[in-house]
Protein backbone atom coordinates (compact mmCIF):
# COMPACT_ATOMS: atom_id res chain seq x y z
CA MET A 1 -50.94 57.01 5.73
CA LYS A 2 -49.74 54.96 8.66
CA ARG A 3 -47.48 52.99 6.32
CA ARG A 4 -45.96 56.25 4.99
CA GLY A 5 -45.34 57.51 8.57
CA ARG A 6 -43.58 54.31 9.55
CA LEU A 7 -41.37 54.58 6.44
CA ALA A 8 -40.34 58.20 7.25
CA SER A 9 -39.58 57.30 10.85
CA TRP A 10 -37.48 54.35 9.74
CA LEU A 11 -35.52 56.55 7.24
CA PHE A 12 -34.86 59.23 9.90
CA THR A 13 -33.53 56.63 12.35
CA ALA A 14 -31.27 55.07 9.71
CA VAL A 15 -29.87 58.45 8.62
CA SER A 16 -29.25 59.57 12.21
CA ARG A 17 -27.33 56.38 12.98
CA TRP A 18 -25.27 56.72 9.82
CA LEU A 19 -24.41 60.50 10.05
CA GLY A 20 -24.31 60.99 13.80
CA ALA A 21 -25.41 64.17 15.52
CA SER A 22 -23.88 66.59 12.99
CA GLY A 23 -25.29 64.69 10.08
CA LEU A 24 -28.68 64.58 11.80
CA VAL A 25 -28.67 68.35 12.15
CA LEU A 26 -27.63 68.80 8.53
CA ALA A 27 -30.21 66.29 7.37
CA THR A 28 -32.85 68.05 9.43
CA LEU A 29 -31.84 71.38 7.88
CA GLY A 30 -31.82 69.88 4.42
CA VAL A 31 -28.04 70.36 4.06
CA MET A 32 -26.16 67.19 3.08
CA PRO A 33 -22.36 66.83 3.37
CA ALA A 34 -20.33 67.81 0.29
CA ALA A 35 -17.56 65.76 -1.30
CA GLN A 36 -15.03 67.35 1.18
CA ALA A 37 -16.45 66.70 4.62
CA SER A 38 -17.09 69.78 6.74
CA PHE A 39 -17.61 69.91 10.46
CA LEU A 40 -19.35 72.11 12.96
CA LEU A 41 -17.45 74.21 15.48
CA PRO A 42 -18.53 76.82 17.98
CA SER A 43 -17.84 80.31 16.70
CA ALA A 44 -15.26 81.07 19.42
CA GLU A 45 -13.26 77.91 18.70
CA ALA A 46 -13.40 78.47 14.94
CA ALA A 47 -11.99 81.98 15.44
CA SER A 48 -9.04 80.69 17.50
CA ARG A 49 -7.94 77.97 15.07
CA MET A 50 -5.81 78.41 11.95
CA GLN A 51 -6.10 77.02 8.43
CA LEU A 52 -9.92 76.84 8.45
CA ALA A 53 -12.55 78.10 6.04
CA CYS A 54 -15.85 78.59 7.88
CA GLN A 55 -19.33 79.89 7.12
CA PRO A 56 -22.37 80.46 9.33
CA THR A 57 -25.06 77.84 9.70
CA MET A 58 -28.73 78.13 10.54
CA ILE A 59 -27.90 76.93 14.05
CA LEU A 60 -27.05 79.91 16.23
CA GLY A 61 -23.46 79.84 17.49
CA LEU A 62 -22.17 77.09 15.17
CA MET A 63 -19.95 77.43 12.10
CA SER A 64 -19.55 74.96 9.26
CA CYS A 65 -15.78 74.66 8.64
CA GLU A 66 -13.36 72.92 6.29
CA SER A 67 -9.59 72.40 6.81
CA LEU A 68 -7.24 74.20 4.40
CA PRO A 69 -3.80 72.91 3.31
CA GLU A 70 -0.66 74.52 4.78
CA PRO A 71 0.55 77.50 2.69
CA ALA A 72 3.82 77.30 0.77
CA PRO A 73 6.82 78.57 2.81
CA ILE A 74 7.73 82.22 2.36
CA ARG A 75 10.76 82.68 0.12
CA GLY A 76 13.75 84.29 1.86
CA ASN A 77 17.54 84.27 2.13
CA ALA A 78 19.44 81.03 1.96
CA THR A 79 19.95 79.42 5.36
CA GLU A 80 23.75 79.66 5.04
CA ILE A 81 23.57 83.46 4.95
CA ILE A 82 24.21 84.68 8.52
CA PRO A 83 24.07 88.39 9.40
CA ALA A 84 27.28 89.91 10.77
CA GLU A 85 27.43 90.32 14.52
CA PHE A 86 27.07 93.92 15.65
CA VAL A 87 29.88 95.10 17.91
CA ALA A 88 29.61 98.48 19.56
CA PRO A 89 32.51 100.88 18.88
CA SER A 90 35.29 100.90 21.46
CA ASN A 91 38.59 102.63 22.08
CA GLU A 92 40.28 99.31 22.82
CA ILE A 93 42.25 97.80 19.95
CA ALA A 94 41.45 94.27 21.14
CA THR A 95 37.71 94.92 20.65
CA MET A 96 37.97 96.88 17.43
CA GLY A 97 34.82 95.27 16.02
CA ALA A 98 34.23 92.32 13.77
CA GLN A 99 37.71 91.02 12.98
CA VAL A 100 39.06 91.41 9.46
CA ASP A 101 41.35 88.52 8.57
CA GLU A 102 42.75 90.08 5.39
CA THR A 103 46.16 91.76 5.56
CA PRO A 104 45.75 95.45 4.67
CA GLN A 105 47.45 97.26 1.84
CA ALA A 106 50.97 98.39 2.76
CA PRO A 107 51.05 102.06 3.81
CA PHE A 108 52.94 104.51 1.60
CA LEU A 109 55.21 106.88 3.53
CA ASP A 110 55.57 110.49 2.53
CA LEU A 111 59.15 111.57 1.89
CA VAL A 112 61.24 111.02 5.04
CA PRO A 113 64.46 113.08 5.14
CA ARG A 114 67.70 111.17 5.61
CA ARG A 115 69.08 113.84 7.96
CA VAL A 116 67.28 116.31 10.22
CA LYS A 117 68.13 118.57 13.11
CA ALA A 118 67.06 117.63 16.63
CA GLY A 119 63.62 118.97 17.54
CA ARG A 120 60.08 118.46 16.24
CA PHE A 121 59.67 115.61 13.76
CA SER A 122 56.66 114.22 11.86
CA LEU A 123 55.91 111.07 9.87
CA SER A 124 52.91 110.86 7.54
CA TRP A 125 51.55 108.06 5.39
CA GLN A 126 48.65 107.28 3.12
CA ASN A 127 46.86 104.33 1.54
CA GLY A 128 45.43 105.25 -1.84
CA MET A 129 43.76 101.92 -2.64
CA GLY A 130 43.29 98.34 -1.48
CA GLN A 131 42.28 96.75 1.82
CA VAL A 132 42.10 99.18 4.74
CA GLY A 133 43.38 98.56 8.26
CA GLN A 134 41.69 98.70 11.66
CA TRP A 135 44.60 100.34 13.49
CA TRP A 136 48.17 101.50 12.84
CA GLU A 137 51.44 101.59 14.77
CA VAL A 138 54.72 103.51 14.71
CA TRP A 139 57.94 101.81 15.87
CA ASP A 140 61.16 103.78 16.44
CA ASN A 141 64.31 101.67 16.85
CA GLN A 142 62.11 98.70 17.80
CA GLN A 143 60.31 100.77 20.45
CA LEU A 144 56.55 101.20 20.06
CA ARG A 145 55.82 104.93 19.90
CA TYR A 146 52.17 104.90 18.81
CA ARG A 147 49.24 102.49 18.43
CA GLY A 148 45.79 103.82 17.65
CA LYS A 149 42.90 104.45 15.27
CA ASP A 150 43.37 108.13 14.43
CA PHE A 151 42.98 108.03 10.66
CA ILE A 152 42.79 111.00 8.33
CA GLN A 153 41.96 111.47 4.67
CA ARG A 154 43.99 113.74 2.43
CA PRO A 155 43.61 114.74 -1.22
CA LEU A 156 45.69 112.71 -3.63
CA PRO A 157 47.90 114.62 -6.09
CA THR A 158 45.66 116.15 -8.76
CA LEU A 159 46.16 115.71 -12.48
CA SER A 160 46.22 119.04 -14.29
CA ALA A 161 44.23 119.30 -17.49
CA SER A 162 46.23 118.94 -20.69
CA ALA A 163 46.64 122.13 -22.66
CA THR A 164 46.15 120.21 -25.91
CA ASP A 165 42.97 118.46 -24.82
CA THR A 166 40.30 120.48 -26.63
CA ALA A 167 38.10 117.58 -27.72
CA SER A 168 36.26 117.25 -24.42
CA SER A 169 32.83 118.83 -24.34
CA THR A 170 32.35 118.66 -20.58
CA THR A 171 32.64 121.82 -18.55
CA GLN A 172 34.45 120.03 -15.69
CA THR A 173 38.22 119.89 -16.11
CA GLN A 174 40.60 117.44 -14.52
CA SER A 175 41.89 120.13 -12.20
CA GLU A 176 38.41 120.36 -10.63
CA VAL A 177 38.34 116.67 -9.65
CA VAL A 178 39.54 116.08 -6.07
CA LEU A 179 40.39 112.50 -5.09
CA ASN A 180 41.03 111.52 -1.47
CA ASP A 181 43.16 108.63 -0.26
CA VAL A 182 41.45 105.69 1.46
CA GLN A 183 43.36 106.01 4.75
CA GLY A 184 46.20 108.01 6.16
CA GLY A 185 47.84 109.12 9.37
CA VAL A 186 50.29 111.61 10.86
CA PHE A 187 52.60 110.95 13.81
CA THR A 188 54.51 113.79 15.49
CA ILE A 189 57.26 113.81 18.11
CA GLU A 190 57.81 117.16 19.80
CA LYS A 191 61.41 116.35 20.83
CA ILE A 192 63.25 113.72 18.82
CA GLU A 193 66.51 112.40 20.23
CA PRO A 194 69.78 112.77 18.28
CA GLY A 195 71.14 109.67 16.59
CA GLU A 196 69.87 107.03 14.20
CA HIS A 197 66.13 106.35 14.00
CA GLN A 198 64.85 103.31 12.13
CA TRP A 199 61.13 103.79 11.51
CA GLU A 200 58.50 101.14 10.90
CA VAL A 201 54.87 102.09 10.23
CA ARG A 202 52.46 99.15 10.45
CA LEU A 203 48.85 98.98 9.24
CA CYS A 204 47.03 96.08 10.89
CA ASN A 205 43.90 93.94 10.96
CA GLY A 206 43.00 90.94 13.10
CA SER A 207 43.67 91.23 16.82
CA GLN A 208 46.59 92.14 19.08
CA ALA A 209 47.07 88.46 19.87
CA ALA A 210 47.21 87.53 16.16
CA PRO A 211 47.75 90.71 14.12
CA LYS A 212 47.93 90.73 10.33
CA CYS A 213 50.04 93.73 9.42
CA SER A 214 51.79 95.28 6.45
CA ALA A 215 54.59 97.78 6.99
CA ALA A 216 56.65 100.57 5.47
CA TYR A 217 60.19 101.44 6.55
CA ALA A 218 62.39 104.53 6.66
CA GLN A 219 65.60 105.69 8.33
CA THR A 220 66.58 109.12 9.63
CA TRP A 221 69.72 110.47 11.22
CA VAL A 222 69.01 113.21 13.75
CA GLU A 223 72.04 115.42 14.24
CA LEU A 224 72.92 117.86 16.97
CA ALA A 225 72.76 121.55 16.20
CA GLU A 226 76.56 121.81 16.12
CA GLN A 227 77.09 118.64 14.05
CA SER A 228 78.57 119.20 10.58
CA THR A 229 78.84 117.16 7.41
CA GLU A 230 82.55 116.48 8.08
CA SER A 231 81.51 113.45 10.16
CA GLN A 232 80.15 111.67 7.08
CA HIS A 233 82.91 109.14 6.36
CA VAL A 234 83.56 105.39 6.22
CA PRO A 235 85.33 104.16 9.39
CA GLY A 236 88.49 102.08 9.32
CA GLN A 237 88.27 98.28 9.39
CA PRO A 238 88.08 96.83 12.95
CA GLU A 239 90.00 93.70 13.99
CA LEU A 240 88.73 90.92 16.27
CA ALA A 241 90.87 89.88 19.23
CA TRP A 242 91.60 86.18 19.72
CA PHE A 243 88.97 83.99 21.39
CA PRO A 244 88.83 80.19 21.87
CA ALA A 245 87.41 77.98 19.13
CA VAL A 246 85.31 76.01 21.65
CA VAL A 247 83.47 77.19 24.78
CA THR A 248 81.58 75.08 27.32
CA ASP A 249 80.27 77.68 29.78
CA GLY A 250 77.67 79.26 27.43
CA LYS A 251 79.44 82.61 26.95
CA ILE A 252 82.34 84.27 25.17
CA MET A 253 84.12 87.60 25.65
CA LEU A 254 84.32 89.25 22.23
CA GLN A 255 86.78 92.16 21.88
CA TRP A 256 87.78 94.27 18.89
CA HIS A 257 90.13 97.18 18.08
CA LEU A 258 90.56 99.88 15.47
CA TYR A 259 94.26 100.61 15.88
CA TRP A 260 94.41 103.51 13.42
CA GLY A 261 91.92 105.15 11.08
CA LYS A 262 88.66 107.04 10.96
CA THR A 263 86.40 106.19 13.87
CA GLY A 264 82.69 105.36 14.05
CA ASP A 265 79.77 106.17 16.32
CA GLN A 266 78.26 102.67 16.68
CA TRP A 267 79.21 99.03 16.22
CA GLN A 268 77.50 95.69 15.70
CA VAL A 269 78.26 92.00 16.24
CA LEU A 270 77.28 89.70 13.38
CA ASN A 271 76.71 85.95 13.32
CA ALA A 272 76.83 84.52 9.78
CA GLY A 273 76.18 88.01 8.44
CA LYS A 274 73.17 88.74 10.68
CA VAL A 275 73.28 91.35 13.43
CA ILE A 276 72.93 89.86 16.92
CA TYR A 277 74.09 92.84 19.00
CA ARG A 278 74.36 96.64 18.64
CA SER A 279 76.07 99.26 20.79
CA SER A 280 77.30 102.85 20.80
CA GLN A 281 79.53 102.34 23.87
CA PHE A 282 83.31 102.02 23.45
CA THR A 283 86.03 100.82 25.83
CA GLU A 284 88.50 103.11 24.05
CA HIS A 285 87.81 106.15 21.90
CA THR A 286 90.40 108.62 20.57
CA GLU A 287 90.58 110.73 17.45
CA ASN A 288 92.03 107.87 15.39
CA SER A 289 91.45 104.66 17.40
CA GLN A 290 88.59 102.78 19.02
CA ALA A 291 87.86 99.54 20.85
CA GLY A 292 84.85 97.69 22.22
CA SER A 293 83.89 94.47 23.95
CA VAL A 294 80.82 92.46 24.89
CA GLN A 295 80.17 89.18 26.65
CA LEU A 296 77.92 87.14 24.38
CA PRO A 297 75.67 84.36 25.72
CA LEU A 298 75.83 81.36 23.36
CA VAL A 299 73.33 78.53 23.11
CA ASP A 300 74.94 75.28 21.94
CA GLY A 301 75.88 75.55 18.26
CA VAL A 302 78.46 76.91 15.80
CA TYR A 303 78.88 80.67 15.34
CA SER A 304 80.71 82.74 12.70
CA LEU A 305 81.31 86.08 14.44
CA ALA A 306 82.40 89.43 13.04
CA VAL A 307 82.27 93.12 14.04
CA ARG A 308 80.88 95.95 11.91
CA LEU A 309 81.92 99.56 12.73
CA CYS A 310 79.64 102.32 11.42
CA GLN A 311 79.57 106.10 11.15
CA GLU A 312 75.86 106.83 10.76
CA SER A 313 74.97 104.44 7.89
CA ARG A 314 78.51 104.02 6.48
CA CYS A 315 80.20 100.86 7.76
CA SER A 316 83.27 98.64 7.53
CA GLU A 317 83.48 95.01 8.69
CA SER A 318 86.12 92.79 10.28
CA ARG A 319 87.07 89.28 9.21
CA ALA A 320 84.91 86.56 10.74
CA GLN A 321 86.08 84.00 13.32
CA THR A 322 84.34 80.71 14.23
CA VAL A 323 83.49 79.43 17.70
CA GLU A 324 81.52 76.35 18.78
CA ALA A 325 79.47 76.33 22.00
CA MET A 326 78.75 72.95 23.59
CA LEU A 327 77.68 71.47 26.93
CA GLY A 328 76.49 74.90 28.01
CA PRO A 329 74.07 75.61 30.90
CA ALA A 330 70.44 76.71 30.56
CA LEU A 331 70.58 80.46 29.97
CA ALA A 332 68.14 83.16 31.04
CA PRO A 333 67.47 86.20 28.85
CA THR A 334 69.08 89.56 29.58
CA PRO A 335 67.02 91.91 31.80
CA PRO A 336 65.09 94.33 29.55
CA GLU A 337 65.10 98.10 29.54
CA VAL A 338 61.57 99.47 29.94
CA ASN A 339 59.88 102.81 29.26
CA VAL A 340 56.46 103.88 30.56
CA TYR A 341 54.61 106.61 28.66
CA THR A 342 51.46 108.54 29.52
CA ASP A 343 49.25 110.69 27.32
CA SER A 344 51.15 113.81 28.48
CA ASP A 345 54.63 112.66 27.36
CA ALA A 346 55.91 114.75 24.46
CA GLU A 347 58.43 112.15 23.30
CA LEU A 348 55.62 109.65 22.69
CA GLY A 349 53.84 111.89 20.22
CA SER A 350 50.05 111.95 20.17
CA GLY A 351 47.41 109.25 20.21
CA LEU A 352 47.10 107.78 23.72
CA VAL A 353 43.59 107.87 25.14
CA ALA A 354 43.34 109.80 28.40
CA GLY A 355 44.05 107.49 31.32
CA GLN A 356 46.00 104.94 29.29
CA VAL A 357 49.70 104.14 29.60
CA LEU A 358 52.08 102.57 27.11
CA VAL A 359 54.70 100.12 28.39
CA SER A 360 57.48 99.41 25.88
CA TRP A 361 60.53 97.23 26.56
CA GLN A 362 63.53 95.89 24.67
CA THR A 363 66.77 94.03 25.32
CA ALA A 364 69.75 96.35 25.06
CA ALA A 365 72.49 93.90 26.06
CA ALA A 366 73.38 90.70 24.24
CA SER A 367 70.76 88.08 25.06
CA VAL A 368 69.49 84.63 24.22
CA ALA A 369 66.01 84.58 22.72
CA PRO A 370 63.24 84.86 25.36
CA GLU A 371 60.12 82.74 24.82
CA THR A 372 57.54 84.66 26.86
CA TRP A 373 57.20 88.02 28.59
CA ARG A 374 54.93 89.13 31.42
CA LEU A 375 53.94 92.43 32.98
CA LEU A 376 53.73 91.92 36.75
CA ASP A 377 52.43 93.96 39.65
CA GLU A 378 55.44 94.08 41.99
CA ASN A 379 53.41 93.97 45.21
CA SER A 380 50.67 91.42 44.45
CA ARG A 381 52.67 89.52 41.78
CA GLN A 382 49.50 89.60 39.69
CA VAL A 383 50.09 89.03 35.97
CA ILE A 384 48.68 92.01 34.08
CA VAL A 385 49.59 90.67 30.64
CA SER A 386 51.39 87.56 29.36
CA GLN A 387 52.46 87.04 25.75
CA LYS A 388 54.56 84.60 23.77
CA ILE A 389 57.47 86.06 21.80
CA LYS A 390 57.39 84.67 18.27
CA ARG A 391 60.22 86.62 16.64
CA ALA A 392 62.84 89.28 17.25
CA CYS A 393 61.90 92.89 16.59
CA GLN A 394 65.23 93.23 14.83
CA ALA A 395 68.29 91.01 14.60
CA GLY A 396 69.71 90.76 18.10
CA VAL A 397 66.93 92.84 19.71
CA TRP A 398 63.85 91.49 21.47
CA CYS A 399 61.01 93.79 22.41
CA GLY A 400 57.35 94.02 23.36
CA SER A 401 54.68 96.49 24.45
CA TRP A 402 51.34 96.84 26.20
CA GLN A 403 48.82 99.67 26.01
CA GLY A 404 45.87 100.02 28.37
CA VAL A 405 44.42 101.44 31.57
CA PRO A 406 46.23 100.37 34.78
CA PRO A 407 44.03 98.46 37.27
CA THR A 408 45.32 100.72 40.06
CA ARG A 409 47.30 103.97 40.16
CA PRO A 410 49.92 104.69 41.30
CA ALA A 411 51.48 101.26 40.79
CA HIS A 412 54.83 99.48 40.74
CA TRP A 413 55.36 97.05 37.86
CA ARG A 414 58.11 94.81 36.50
CA VAL A 415 58.66 93.18 33.09
CA GLN A 416 59.64 89.51 33.27
CA LEU A 417 61.35 87.57 30.43
CA CYS A 418 61.50 83.78 30.45
CA ARG A 419 63.26 81.07 28.46
CA ALA A 420 62.02 77.63 29.55
CA GLN A 421 62.26 77.75 33.38
CA GLN A 422 64.89 80.53 33.43
CA CYS A 423 63.35 83.97 34.08
CA VAL A 424 64.69 87.46 34.71
CA GLU A 425 62.97 90.73 35.68
CA SER A 426 63.48 94.38 34.86
CA GLN A 427 63.99 97.20 37.31
CA ARG A 428 60.90 98.55 39.07
CA LEU A 429 58.57 100.68 36.93
CA VAL A 430 56.64 103.49 38.59
CA VAL A 431 53.24 104.14 37.00
CA PRO A 432 52.03 107.61 38.06
């Protein structure tokens, strides 16, 4: 018996040294470790840890636990898929929302009459298919008249059911199907000025700094109430007066005459067939003769100049003469003519948000190409807006515009045009 007791004591000591405390407890309880080793943890710690499988033991407050492998990752969207950024709606064009880089479908103008009487005038357009735009603009003789987001939808022309189509079993006829256009808009001027109006309707995406626009064009002649159709004729051919073949002071006085013939109501100066100046002012005007003149600024180069005399859209053109400009000085642009519109101005039409103003400028006199334009506060000389000029609005005409809420009201502003270091400013603008 003593020998058996010594053997049991020796076995217990050997097992306790080999298994440690946990193994001793398990051996005492008659529970031996399995192939995957488990371990004891207090109940509170086992509850706070992840990836464990635990079961109670006979020892109060201890759990026998095993580690579990990490689960497979949850399947989801590809990492390169990024949700679009949410941008709250705004009345500002510059923060229209997430930018759309695709150029929209060109707008389709409703029929625009070639001749109308002075008074109320409307332009309407629609886009029946294709990429839509974020905003649209109306330009009248290179002057911005409207920029906004007032879109409408109108029914497209319906297709009447064919009288011979008796094979269809459906009760719905084609005449009952109403299709709407994708986008559209209407622009109205309460008082349109007499004379020629060259319209451009733009539908745009992108941003004001880098717009991507498509456009539609139309032309209308607005006549006075007493104007008759007798004025619709082709003017006589004008003749250019002599001017030197070479100039070195950066300018030339161009003069022309119509000595006898039918007169016109406007005239243009062309360089190599492209219009670089327009005017409706004459130095002489009788029933059968006319004359005009303009001092043209010329950057160094060769010019082929001619004059075109027009009555409405009917024109005749003089023979061209060549002049070369060389060794000329650095030239500044011509001071611009500027208009300021508010939301209450009838000649602007509709669309300005309350509190906003629209500043629109253009060069009326002959001018070299400006490179930048700025809107300045006259008193503080603070720059309200500054933009680079990338292209002419029309041959011989440079223009620009700004729409927004003035920092202060009333205010005095000026428009500044610059070419290199040569700058010029407009007359003072009064913002009410």
